[in-house]
Protein backbone atom coordinates (compact mmCIF):
# COMPACT_ATOMS: atom_id res chain seq x y z
CA UNK A 1 35.75 63.22 -20.92
CA UNK A 2 34.42 62.83 -24.46
CA UNK A 3 36.96 63.34 -27.18
CA UNK A 4 36.45 63.24 -30.93
CA UNK A 5 39.50 63.40 -33.20
CA UNK A 6 39.09 63.73 -36.97
CA UNK A 7 41.64 62.62 -39.53
CA UNK A 8 41.88 61.95 -43.26
CA UNK A 9 41.28 65.36 -44.69
CA UNK A 10 43.34 66.96 -47.43
CA UNK A 11 43.22 68.27 -50.96
CA UNK A 12 42.02 66.31 -53.98
CA UNK A 13 40.89 67.28 -57.48
CA UNK A 14 37.21 67.26 -58.49
CA UNK A 15 35.96 63.70 -58.91
CA UNK A 16 38.39 62.36 -56.32
CA UNK A 17 37.70 60.53 -53.07
CA UNK A 18 38.59 60.96 -49.47
CA UNK A 19 37.77 59.00 -46.33
CA UNK A 20 37.43 60.86 -43.07
CA UNK A 21 37.86 59.05 -39.72
CA UNK A 22 36.74 60.15 -36.25
CA UNK A 23 38.30 58.35 -33.26
CA UNK A 24 36.10 58.65 -30.22
CA UNK A 25 36.89 58.19 -26.57
CA UNK A 26 35.38 58.82 -23.17
CA UNK A 27 31.93 57.31 -23.70
CA UNK A 28 30.05 54.24 -24.80
CA UNK A 29 30.53 54.65 -28.50
CA UNK A 30 27.82 52.34 -29.70
CA UNK A 31 25.06 54.05 -27.72
CA UNK A 32 25.50 57.57 -29.11
CA UNK A 33 24.02 59.06 -32.31
CA UNK A 34 26.89 60.39 -34.41
CA UNK A 35 27.42 62.31 -37.56
CA UNK A 36 29.43 64.77 -39.68
CA UNK A 37 28.71 68.36 -40.38
CA UNK A 38 30.64 70.90 -42.44
CA UNK A 39 31.10 74.65 -42.66
CA UNK A 40 32.67 76.53 -45.50
CA UNK A 41 33.82 80.18 -45.24
CA UNK A 42 30.84 82.51 -45.51
CA UNK A 43 28.39 79.67 -45.59
CA UNK A 44 26.02 78.19 -43.00
CA UNK A 45 26.75 74.98 -41.14
CA UNK A 46 25.35 71.90 -42.88
CA UNK A 47 24.66 68.51 -41.40
CA UNK A 48 26.10 66.13 -43.95
CA UNK A 49 25.50 62.63 -42.65
CA UNK A 50 24.37 60.92 -39.46
CA UNK A 51 24.11 57.39 -38.06
CA UNK A 52 22.13 56.43 -35.00
CA UNK A 53 22.82 53.75 -32.43
CA UNK A 54 20.85 51.20 -34.48
CA UNK A 55 22.95 51.84 -37.56
CA UNK A 56 20.29 53.75 -39.53
CA UNK A 57 21.73 56.55 -41.65
CA UNK A 58 20.57 59.87 -43.06
CA UNK A 59 22.19 62.22 -45.58
CA UNK A 60 21.88 65.74 -46.76
CA UNK A 61 20.46 65.97 -50.30
CA UNK A 62 23.70 67.61 -51.45
CA UNK A 63 25.78 64.47 -50.72
CA UNK A 64 23.23 61.68 -51.16
CA UNK A 65 24.68 58.94 -53.41
CA UNK A 66 28.22 60.26 -53.10
CA UNK A 67 28.97 60.04 -49.33
CA UNK A 68 28.64 57.07 -47.05
CA UNK A 69 28.73 57.16 -43.25
CA UNK A 70 29.68 54.12 -41.25
CA UNK A 71 31.04 53.19 -37.90
CA UNK A 72 33.12 50.42 -36.29
CA UNK A 73 31.96 49.95 -32.70
CA UNK A 74 34.91 47.71 -31.94
CA UNK A 75 37.30 50.48 -32.92
CA UNK A 76 35.29 53.41 -31.58
CA UNK A 77 35.62 55.00 -34.97
CA UNK A 78 33.25 56.87 -37.24
CA UNK A 79 33.89 57.16 -40.98
CA UNK A 80 32.77 59.25 -43.88
CA UNK A 81 33.62 57.94 -47.34
CA UNK A 82 33.38 60.75 -49.82
CA UNK A 83 33.36 60.00 -53.55
CA UNK A 84 32.83 62.10 -56.67
CA UNK A 85 33.93 65.15 -54.76
CA UNK A 86 33.01 68.60 -56.04
CA UNK A 87 34.51 72.02 -55.39
CA UNK A 88 31.40 72.92 -53.39
CA UNK A 89 32.33 70.13 -50.93
CA UNK A 90 35.30 72.21 -49.78
CA UNK A 91 34.82 72.94 -46.11
CA UNK A 92 35.91 72.19 -42.57
CA UNK A 93 34.38 68.82 -41.61
CA UNK A 94 33.47 68.07 -38.01
CA UNK A 95 32.57 64.85 -36.23
CA UNK A 96 29.74 65.14 -33.74
CA UNK A 97 28.16 62.90 -31.14
CA UNK A 98 25.11 63.02 -28.88
CA UNK A 99 23.91 60.76 -26.08
CA UNK A 100 20.22 61.66 -26.24
CA UNK A 101 18.32 58.41 -26.06
CA UNK A 102 16.46 57.30 -29.18
CA UNK A 103 17.82 60.15 -31.28
CA UNK A 104 17.36 59.18 -34.92
CA UNK A 105 19.77 59.85 -37.76
CA UNK A 106 17.24 62.12 -39.38
CA UNK A 107 16.89 64.14 -36.22
CA UNK A 108 20.67 64.33 -35.82
CA UNK A 109 21.09 65.72 -39.31
CA UNK A 110 18.89 68.67 -38.45
CA UNK A 111 20.38 69.14 -35.01
CA UNK A 112 23.88 69.23 -36.41
CA UNK A 113 22.82 71.97 -38.86
CA UNK A 114 21.57 73.97 -35.88
CA UNK A 115 24.74 73.29 -33.89
CA UNK A 116 22.92 71.37 -31.20
CA UNK A 117 24.89 68.14 -30.87
CA UNK A 118 26.49 67.70 -27.40
CA UNK A 119 30.02 66.99 -28.58
CA UNK A 120 32.08 67.73 -31.67
CA UNK A 121 35.72 67.61 -32.68
CA UNK A 122 38.07 70.40 -33.76
CA UNK A 123 37.44 69.74 -37.42
CA UNK A 124 39.53 68.84 -40.46
CA UNK A 125 39.91 70.69 -43.75
CA UNK A 126 38.77 69.13 -47.01
CA UNK A 127 39.68 71.06 -50.18
CA UNK A 128 38.50 70.12 -53.63
CA UNK A 129 40.50 71.91 -56.29
CA UNK A 130 42.12 71.28 -59.62
């Protein structure tokens, strides 16, 4: 049974940093394409960052240069380092995973926006406010 558990959310002022973690279990972590998507109240879901099984990454334009996705296969954990946070980054953040062979990070970014990844966690709240 696939499980994805997010942690590390919270409230920080604009310009601050947070690191989200996603502990995965129930599947071969290294073989899945994974990513983060977010959804703010009244706004559409947005794929934020993705990393494929080869370690290639892709980012939404809105976070490029500020967010970094990474993973530790030995710890079955996905990370999202978020720097220079802005009020518009306020949202629920979800970890997602998909076993589709040869899925690329670019593809995963779009699929997450459409809500098509096979698995996702329950989400964690990130609030950027002074």
